[in-house]
Protein backbone atom coordinates (compact mmCIF):
# COMPACT_ATOMS: atom_id res chain seq x y z
CA MET A 1 96.67 45.30 125.12
CA ILE A 2 94.64 44.60 128.25
CA LEU A 3 95.66 47.29 130.97
CA ARG A 4 95.46 45.97 134.71
CA GLY A 5 92.76 48.23 136.01
CA GLY A 6 92.68 50.58 133.00
CA LEU A 7 93.82 54.20 133.29
CA ILE A 8 93.24 54.64 137.11
CA VAL A 9 95.97 51.98 138.00
CA ALA A 10 98.38 53.64 135.46
CA VAL A 11 97.85 56.93 137.09
CA ILE A 12 98.24 55.45 140.66
CA CYS A 13 101.50 53.80 139.36
CA ALA A 14 102.71 57.33 138.33
CA LEU A 15 101.69 58.86 141.57
CA SER A 16 103.13 56.14 143.72
CA ALA A 17 106.41 56.85 141.63
CA ALA A 18 106.39 60.48 142.69
CA PHE A 19 106.12 59.79 146.27
CA ALA A 20 107.77 56.23 146.65
CA GLY A 21 110.18 55.67 143.91
CA GLU A 22 108.46 52.93 142.22
CA ALA A 23 104.95 51.60 141.35
CA ARG A 24 102.51 50.10 143.93
CA ALA A 25 102.59 46.32 143.75
CA ALA A 26 99.46 44.73 141.96
CA LYS A 27 97.91 41.22 141.98
CA LEU A 28 96.97 40.10 138.48
CA GLN A 29 94.60 37.01 137.81
CA VAL A 30 94.90 34.54 135.07
CA ASN A 31 92.76 31.61 134.18
CA CYS A 32 93.88 29.81 131.11
CA SER A 33 90.66 27.67 131.08
CA GLY A 34 88.25 30.14 131.56
CA PRO A 35 87.05 33.90 131.82
CA ALA A 36 89.17 36.08 133.90
CA THR A 37 91.01 39.34 133.65
CA TYR A 38 93.64 37.57 131.73
CA THR A 39 93.41 34.18 129.76
CA ASP A 40 97.11 33.90 129.17
CA ILE A 41 100.30 34.32 131.32
CA GLN A 42 102.26 36.30 128.71
CA THR A 43 99.63 39.30 128.54
CA ALA A 44 99.65 39.36 132.20
CA VAL A 45 103.65 39.61 132.38
CA ASN A 46 103.45 42.31 129.66
CA ASN A 47 101.07 44.26 131.90
CA ALA A 48 103.01 43.87 135.07
CA CYS A 49 105.48 45.98 136.87
CA SER A 50 108.44 45.03 139.39
CA GLY A 51 106.87 43.87 142.64
CA ASP A 52 103.59 42.50 141.21
CA THR A 53 102.23 38.96 141.80
CA ILE A 54 100.52 36.83 139.00
CA SER A 55 98.12 34.31 140.18
CA VAL A 56 97.41 31.58 137.37
CA SER A 57 94.84 28.81 137.40
CA GLY A 58 93.77 26.25 134.63
CA ALA A 59 95.68 24.59 131.84
CA CYS A 60 97.90 26.96 129.82
CA ASP A 61 99.74 26.24 126.46
CA GLU A 62 102.11 29.11 125.82
CA ALA A 63 106.07 30.02 125.81
CA VAL A 64 106.04 32.69 128.53
CA THR A 65 109.26 34.99 128.15
CA ILE A 66 110.19 37.17 131.50
CA ASN A 67 112.56 39.89 130.56
CA THR A 68 111.67 43.59 130.72
CA GLN A 69 108.74 45.36 132.22
CA ASN A 70 106.05 47.39 130.53
CA ALA A 71 107.72 50.86 129.50
CA ILE A 72 104.24 52.59 129.65
CA LEU A 73 102.82 51.34 132.86
CA CYS A 74 106.12 51.05 134.93
CA THR A 75 108.09 53.47 136.72
CA GLY A 76 111.51 53.66 134.88
CA GLY A 77 110.21 52.45 131.67
CA ALA A 78 111.40 48.92 129.92
CA LEU A 79 113.74 47.94 132.49
CA ALA A 80 114.60 44.25 133.36
CA PHE A 81 112.11 43.10 136.22
CA THR A 82 113.51 43.62 139.62
CA GLN A 83 110.91 41.49 141.35
CA LEU A 84 108.01 39.40 139.96
CA SER A 85 106.11 36.52 141.48
CA ILE A 86 103.88 33.82 139.21
CA LYS A 87 101.97 31.55 141.36
CA GLY A 88 99.80 28.39 140.17
CA GLY A 89 98.19 25.88 142.26
CA SER A 90 98.22 22.09 142.37
CA SER A 91 96.48 21.42 139.17
CA THR A 92 98.07 24.51 137.39
CA SER A 93 100.02 23.44 134.22
CA ASN A 94 101.81 25.31 131.48
CA ASN A 95 102.81 22.62 128.88
CA ASN A 96 103.95 24.38 125.71
CA THR A 97 103.12 22.25 122.57
CA GLY A 98 104.95 24.90 120.49
CA ALA A 99 108.65 25.91 120.29
CA GLY A 100 110.52 27.46 123.20
CA PRO A 101 110.18 26.56 127.05
CA ALA A 102 107.13 26.86 128.99
CA PHE A 103 108.81 29.61 130.93
CA LEU A 104 111.98 31.65 129.85
CA ILE A 105 113.63 34.08 132.38
CA MET A 106 116.21 36.32 130.55
CA GLY A 107 117.92 39.69 130.23
CA ASN A 108 119.15 40.06 133.79
CA ALA A 109 115.51 39.97 135.27
CA ARG A 110 115.99 39.29 138.91
CA ASN A 111 114.14 38.29 142.07
CA ILE A 112 111.83 35.94 139.86
CA THR A 113 109.71 33.48 141.59
CA ILE A 114 107.70 30.59 139.94
CA ASN A 115 105.65 28.37 142.19
CA ASN A 116 103.40 25.44 141.74
CA PHE A 117 103.20 24.49 138.10
CA THR A 118 103.33 21.43 136.17
CA VAL A 119 105.67 22.30 133.06
CA GLY A 120 106.98 20.77 129.73
CA SER A 121 107.89 21.82 126.29
CA ALA A 122 107.46 20.08 122.84
CA ALA A 123 110.75 21.32 121.69
CA SER A 124 112.76 22.91 124.63
CA HIS A 125 113.08 22.85 128.40
CA GLY A 126 110.27 23.07 130.69
CA ILE A 127 111.62 26.30 132.46
CA GLN A 128 114.96 27.84 131.41
CA ALA A 129 116.79 30.75 132.88
CA VAL A 130 119.60 32.74 130.77
CA SER A 131 121.36 35.48 132.54
CA ALA A 132 118.96 35.58 135.46
CA HIS A 133 119.54 36.32 139.21
CA ARG A 134 118.18 35.44 142.33
CA VAL A 135 115.67 33.19 140.87
CA THR A 136 113.31 30.76 143.09
CA LEU A 137 111.55 27.83 141.40
CA GLU A 138 109.66 25.89 143.74
CA GLY A 139 107.05 23.21 143.54
CA ILE A 140 107.63 22.56 140.00
CA ARG A 141 106.41 19.35 138.40
CA THR A 142 107.12 17.68 135.15
CA ALA A 143 104.31 15.24 133.98
CA PRO A 144 105.45 11.81 133.21
CA ASN A 145 106.07 11.42 129.61
CA SER A 146 104.46 14.71 128.75
CA PHE A 147 105.98 14.81 125.35
CA PRO A 148 107.35 11.28 124.28
CA GLY A 149 109.21 11.53 120.93
CA ALA A 150 110.04 15.07 121.37
CA VAL A 151 112.49 16.25 118.63
CA ALA A 152 115.01 17.95 121.26
CA ALA A 153 116.66 16.86 124.11
CA LEU A 154 114.81 18.55 127.01
CA ASP A 155 115.64 19.50 130.55
CA GLY A 156 112.75 19.79 133.07
CA ILE A 157 114.60 22.89 134.40
CA ASN A 158 117.63 24.37 132.72
CA ILE A 159 119.87 27.24 134.45
CA ASP A 160 122.82 28.67 132.28
CA THR A 161 126.25 29.40 133.52
CA ALA A 162 125.51 33.27 133.33
CA SER A 163 122.97 33.22 135.99
CA THR A 164 123.52 33.65 139.74
CA ARG A 165 121.79 32.40 142.91
CA VAL A 166 119.01 30.30 141.24
CA ARG A 167 117.29 28.00 143.54
CA VAL A 168 115.28 24.83 142.67
CA LEU A 169 113.19 23.83 145.73
CA SER A 170 110.86 21.08 146.61
CA SER A 171 109.98 19.71 143.00
CA THR A 172 109.51 16.71 140.97
CA LEU A 173 111.28 16.50 138.02
CA ASN A 174 110.84 12.95 136.30
CA ASN A 175 110.83 11.65 132.80
CA ASN A 176 112.44 14.33 130.79
CA GLY A 177 114.43 14.03 127.53
CA ASP A 178 117.59 14.95 129.16
CA ASP A 179 118.26 16.07 132.62
CA GLY A 180 115.69 16.63 135.40
CA VAL A 181 117.45 19.74 136.39
CA GLU A 182 120.48 21.28 134.88
CA ASN A 183 121.74 24.22 137.50
CA GLY A 184 124.61 25.86 135.89
CA SER A 185 124.28 29.11 138.10
CA THR A 186 126.95 30.33 140.60
CA ASP A 187 125.92 30.05 144.25
CA GLY A 188 122.68 28.33 143.35
CA GLU A 189 120.79 25.56 145.31
CA VAL A 190 118.84 22.46 144.48
CA SER A 191 117.06 21.08 147.64
CA SER A 192 114.33 18.47 148.32
CA VAL A 193 114.00 17.61 144.65
CA THR A 194 113.26 14.38 143.24
CA ALA A 195 114.50 13.63 139.67
CA ASN A 196 113.89 10.14 138.51
CA ASP A 197 113.74 8.35 135.09
CA ASN A 198 115.29 11.11 132.95
CA GLU A 199 117.21 10.22 129.83
CA LEU A 200 120.59 11.69 131.10
CA ALA A 201 121.33 12.89 134.75
CA GLY A 202 118.57 13.51 137.36
CA ILE A 203 120.40 16.50 138.93
CA HIS A 204 123.18 18.05 136.81
CA VAL A 205 125.36 20.76 138.17
CA PRO A 206 127.72 22.51 135.66
CA GLY A 207 127.60 25.68 138.16
CA SER A 208 130.03 26.68 140.89
CA ASN A 209 129.45 26.59 144.65
CA VAL A 210 126.08 24.99 144.24
CA MET A 211 124.36 23.60 147.25
CA VAL A 212 122.47 20.11 146.73
CA THR A 213 120.56 18.77 149.75
CA LYS A 214 118.02 16.07 150.58
CA CYS A 215 117.57 15.01 146.70
CA LYS A 216 116.67 11.82 145.00
CA ALA A 217 117.63 10.76 141.78
CA ASP A 218 116.80 7.02 140.76
CA ASP A 219 116.00 4.99 137.47
CA THR A 220 112.87 3.12 138.48
CA LEU A 221 110.85 2.62 135.57
CA ALA A 222 111.26 -0.29 133.10
CA GLY A 223 112.59 0.76 129.83
CA ASN A 224 113.92 4.27 131.02
CA VAL A 225 117.55 4.91 131.00
CA GLN A 226 118.89 7.40 133.41
CA ASP A 227 122.71 7.41 132.84
CA GLU A 228 123.57 9.37 136.23
CA GLY A 229 121.77 10.23 139.35
CA PHE A 230 124.02 13.15 140.07
CA ARG A 231 126.56 14.82 137.65
CA PHE A 232 128.90 17.44 138.85
CA ASP A 233 130.85 19.46 136.43
CA GLY A 234 131.56 22.49 138.24
CA PRO A 235 133.87 23.55 141.33
CA GLY A 236 132.69 23.86 145.07
CA ALA A 237 129.47 21.96 145.26
CA ILE A 238 128.28 20.62 148.84
CA VAL A 239 126.08 17.73 148.38
CA GLN A 240 124.48 16.40 151.60
CA GLN A 241 121.87 13.83 152.44
CA CYS A 242 121.04 12.67 148.92
CA ASN A 243 120.14 9.06 147.54
CA ALA A 244 120.53 7.54 144.06
CA LYS A 245 120.26 4.19 142.89
CA ASP A 246 119.77 2.02 139.76
CA ASN A 247 121.34 4.41 137.26
CA VAL A 248 123.18 2.93 134.53
CA VAL A 249 126.59 4.88 134.52
CA ALA A 250 126.75 5.95 138.07
CA GLN A 251 124.87 7.16 141.16
CA PHE A 252 127.23 10.16 141.78
CA ARG A 253 129.54 11.07 139.22
CA ASP A 254 132.10 14.02 139.50
CA THR A 255 133.61 14.60 136.04
CA ALA A 256 137.08 15.73 135.12
CA ALA A 257 135.94 19.47 135.22
CA SER A 258 135.01 19.15 139.08
CA LYS A 259 137.07 20.40 141.72
CA GLY A 260 136.56 20.59 145.66
CA VAL A 261 133.06 18.72 145.58
CA ILE A 262 132.13 17.47 148.92
CA HIS A 263 129.87 14.58 149.42
CA PHE A 264 128.39 14.15 153.04
CA ARG A 265 125.82 11.40 154.16
CA ASN A 266 124.78 10.47 150.85
CA VAL A 267 123.69 7.13 149.83
CA ALA A 268 124.83 5.57 146.59
CA GLY A 269 122.97 2.11 145.71
CA ASN A 270 120.17 0.15 147.00
CA SER A 271 120.63 -0.75 150.61
CA SER A 272 117.51 -2.88 150.97
CA ALA A 273 117.19 -4.74 147.84
CA THR A 274 117.82 -8.30 147.44
CA VAL A 275 119.38 -8.17 144.17
CA VAL A 276 121.43 -5.72 142.39
CA PRO A 277 119.46 -4.25 139.31
CA LEU A 278 121.00 -4.86 135.85
CA GLY A 279 123.41 -2.04 134.69
CA ALA A 280 123.22 -0.11 138.01
CA GLY A 281 126.40 1.62 137.57
CA ILE A 282 129.12 2.94 139.82
CA GLY A 283 128.46 4.37 143.35
CA PHE A 284 130.62 7.36 143.47
CA TRP A 285 132.87 7.93 140.32
CA GLU A 286 135.48 10.64 141.01
CA GLU A 287 137.06 11.86 137.89
CA GLY A 288 137.95 15.41 139.08
CA SER A 289 140.45 16.38 141.88
CA GLY A 290 140.25 17.40 145.28
CA ASN A 291 136.88 16.19 145.84
CA ARG A 292 135.68 14.37 149.22
CA ILE A 293 133.64 11.73 150.05
CA ASN A 294 132.61 11.76 153.92
CA THR A 295 130.39 9.66 155.96
CA CYS A 296 128.63 8.22 152.86
CA SER A 297 127.06 4.71 152.38
CA VAL A 298 127.82 2.66 149.33
CA PHE A 299 125.78 -0.44 148.68
CA ARG A 300 124.76 -2.93 145.90
CA ASN A 301 125.93 -1.27 142.75
CA ALA A 302 126.38 -3.25 139.74
CA SER A 303 130.07 -1.93 139.12
CA HIS A 304 132.38 -0.70 141.52
CA GLY A 305 131.34 1.01 144.84
CA VAL A 306 133.85 4.01 144.72
CA HIS A 307 136.22 4.76 141.61
CA LEU A 308 138.72 7.09 142.23
CA ALA A 309 139.86 7.99 138.86
CA GLY A 310 141.10 11.62 139.32
CA ASN A 311 143.98 12.88 141.74
CA GLY A 312 144.00 14.09 145.21
CA ASN A 313 140.60 12.73 146.23
CA THR A 314 139.43 11.64 149.72
CA LEU A 315 137.18 8.73 150.86
CA GLN A 316 136.77 9.06 154.69
CA LEU A 317 134.33 7.53 157.44
CA SER A 318 132.28 5.80 154.94
CA THR A 319 130.93 2.46 154.51
CA VAL A 320 131.52 0.24 151.16
CA SER A 321 129.79 -3.23 150.74
CA SER A 322 128.16 -5.78 148.59
CA ASN A 323 128.91 -4.09 145.26
CA VAL A 324 129.34 -6.39 142.22
CA GLY A 325 132.82 -4.85 141.19
CA ASP A 326 135.65 -3.56 143.35
CA GLN A 327 134.38 -2.10 146.55
CA VAL A 328 137.06 0.66 145.82
CA GLN A 329 138.98 1.07 142.81
CA ILE A 330 141.79 3.73 142.59
CA THR A 331 143.30 4.47 138.86
CA GLY A 332 144.33 8.26 140.07
CA ASN A 333 147.27 9.49 142.16
CA ASN A 334 147.55 11.04 145.53
CA ASN A 335 144.36 9.98 146.83
CA PHE A 336 143.74 9.60 150.57
CA ILE A 337 141.74 6.60 151.79
CA GLN A 338 141.12 6.92 155.79
CA SER A 339 138.78 5.21 158.41
CA ASN A 340 136.48 3.43 156.17
CA THR A 341 134.74 0.13 156.43
CA ILE A 342 135.09 -1.71 153.18
CA THR A 343 133.70 -5.25 152.90
CA ARG A 344 133.78 -7.70 149.90
CA VAL A 345 131.02 -10.15 150.15
CA SER A 346 131.76 -13.56 148.81
CA ALA A 347 129.54 -16.38 147.64
CA PRO A 348 126.79 -17.65 148.25
CA ASN A 349 125.53 -14.00 148.80
CA VAL A 350 123.71 -12.63 145.68
CA PHE A 351 126.02 -9.70 145.74
CA ALA A 352 129.18 -12.17 145.63
CA SER A 353 132.30 -10.67 144.12
CA THR A 354 135.55 -12.35 143.31
CA THR A 355 137.58 -8.71 142.87
CA PRO A 356 139.53 -7.28 145.72
CA ALA A 357 137.81 -4.91 148.23
CA VAL A 358 140.35 -2.40 147.36
CA ASN A 359 141.86 -2.46 144.09
CA VAL A 360 144.84 -0.24 143.03
CA PRO A 361 146.07 -1.44 139.55
CA GLY A 362 149.57 -0.56 138.07
CA GLY A 363 150.05 2.96 137.00
CA ALA A 364 148.44 4.62 140.18
CA ASP A 365 151.09 6.26 142.35
CA ALA A 366 151.30 7.70 145.95
CA ASN A 367 147.93 6.69 147.06
CA PHE A 368 147.61 6.78 150.89
CA PHE A 369 145.77 4.16 153.35
CA ASP A 370 145.15 4.86 156.73
CA SER A 371 143.15 3.12 159.68
CA ASN A 372 140.65 1.35 157.22
CA ARG A 373 138.84 -1.84 158.17
CA VAL A 374 139.05 -4.25 155.11
CA SER A 375 137.38 -7.59 155.27
CA ILE A 376 135.78 -10.27 153.14
CA SER A 377 132.40 -11.53 154.31
CA GLY A 378 133.15 -9.87 157.57
CA VAL A 379 136.30 -11.63 158.14
CA THR A 380 139.12 -9.24 158.96
CA THR A 381 142.64 -9.93 158.41
CA ALA A 382 145.91 -8.11 157.41
CA THR A 383 145.92 -9.27 153.67
CA ASN A 384 142.05 -9.58 152.84
CA GLY A 385 140.90 -8.27 149.71
CA PHE A 386 143.81 -5.91 148.70
CA ASN A 387 145.48 -5.67 145.36
CA VAL A 388 147.81 -2.69 145.40
CA VAL A 389 150.38 -2.51 142.95
CA ASP A 390 153.37 -0.04 142.18
CA ALA A 391 153.99 -1.12 138.56
CA ASP A 392 155.89 1.91 137.74
CA ASN A 393 158.68 1.47 140.37
CA ASN A 394 159.44 5.07 140.45
CA GLY A 395 159.47 5.44 144.24
CA GLN A 396 156.11 7.13 144.70
CA GLN A 397 154.68 3.80 145.92
CA ASN A 398 151.10 3.52 147.17
CA SER A 399 151.75 3.34 150.99
CA ARG A 400 149.95 3.75 154.56
CA SER A 401 150.85 4.85 157.88
CA PRO A 402 152.29 2.03 160.02
CA GLY A 403 150.60 0.50 163.20
CA ASP A 404 147.24 -0.66 162.07
CA PRO A 405 147.17 -4.53 161.35
CA LEU A 406 143.84 -4.32 159.52
CA ASP A 407 145.42 -2.31 156.68
CA PRO A 408 147.71 -3.78 153.91
CA PRO A 409 150.33 -6.06 154.80
CA LEU A 410 154.04 -4.85 155.34
CA ASN A 411 155.15 -5.22 151.87
CA LEU A 412 152.53 -2.74 150.64
CA ARG A 413 153.44 -0.01 153.14
């Protein structure tokens, strides 16, 4: 075992502990491509105490576990790390060609920061956190097709649901075998992340109360299949200023397990393209309950613009136009559609649709329309584009508040 600075450092740690309650923070240097105090990250971690910083350069190939600090060197013995920083650079990489993730944070380690690494794994995730807390992953990159044909489905970053307050910031997580990032932590964050061309979702949120801001998740490379740009399974997420287009299933999908997800100023679909990409999915697919789409733009999707399949969802102050399927389709109950601009574009426009602008097929009850502007190719009348049915004939009719001639005709009120 290589001691950081040898016996002198160990003595300093002990003396500092006696007077200050914990060891003095140290800086450990790793160069995986050449001579240095350490030539691999794991040995440096094994010789680190809480509060230390590990600086890494070169190309590393290892499975690093961050769990408990060294029992001999560190005050308090073999306890979970309470603080550790591992810093790479613009050309630093840790691509593990063996089993396991390139970095695994576990065992209730907390206040862990990993900066500026290109990561990958031949048989696991690039970075994984299991029962970790207050973790920050920033400047993380996944190399395009680092491990094509890998035997396991891989996330660029994978955070389990026993973790809390894990933040993924300013990262590019493309071309992974599963999700770009899966953040299952409670009170986590995904911010300024680009996650394109992954096999399943770009950004997957099974955690609760996760903040997602200024992110992008597209399927842009020929031959790749990214099913969903953003997928939300957990409750209480807030999604702001995010963009997604050209994903096969949906740009934004809130599954049946989601509840109380708020979408604000997001763009679903390609507002500048001249054609809809083949199989570009649904803009917003709401399968959960109590979710809200506010002030969003939904353009040029190959299926529906917005599909409210769950109950008690809200679509407000949004613009929905030029989608190939229904602009808004509602198959759930008790949804509220208010103050939106909904336009069905007709031939000869390349995005021509013969479906209704707003389609509520039989079986959907008690959906409520208020103050929407609904039109076909910009021509607004009281009847344009609506197909609202109350096939159950059970008194819970789809309705609207009276007084606005731009909403459904009288027989649909």
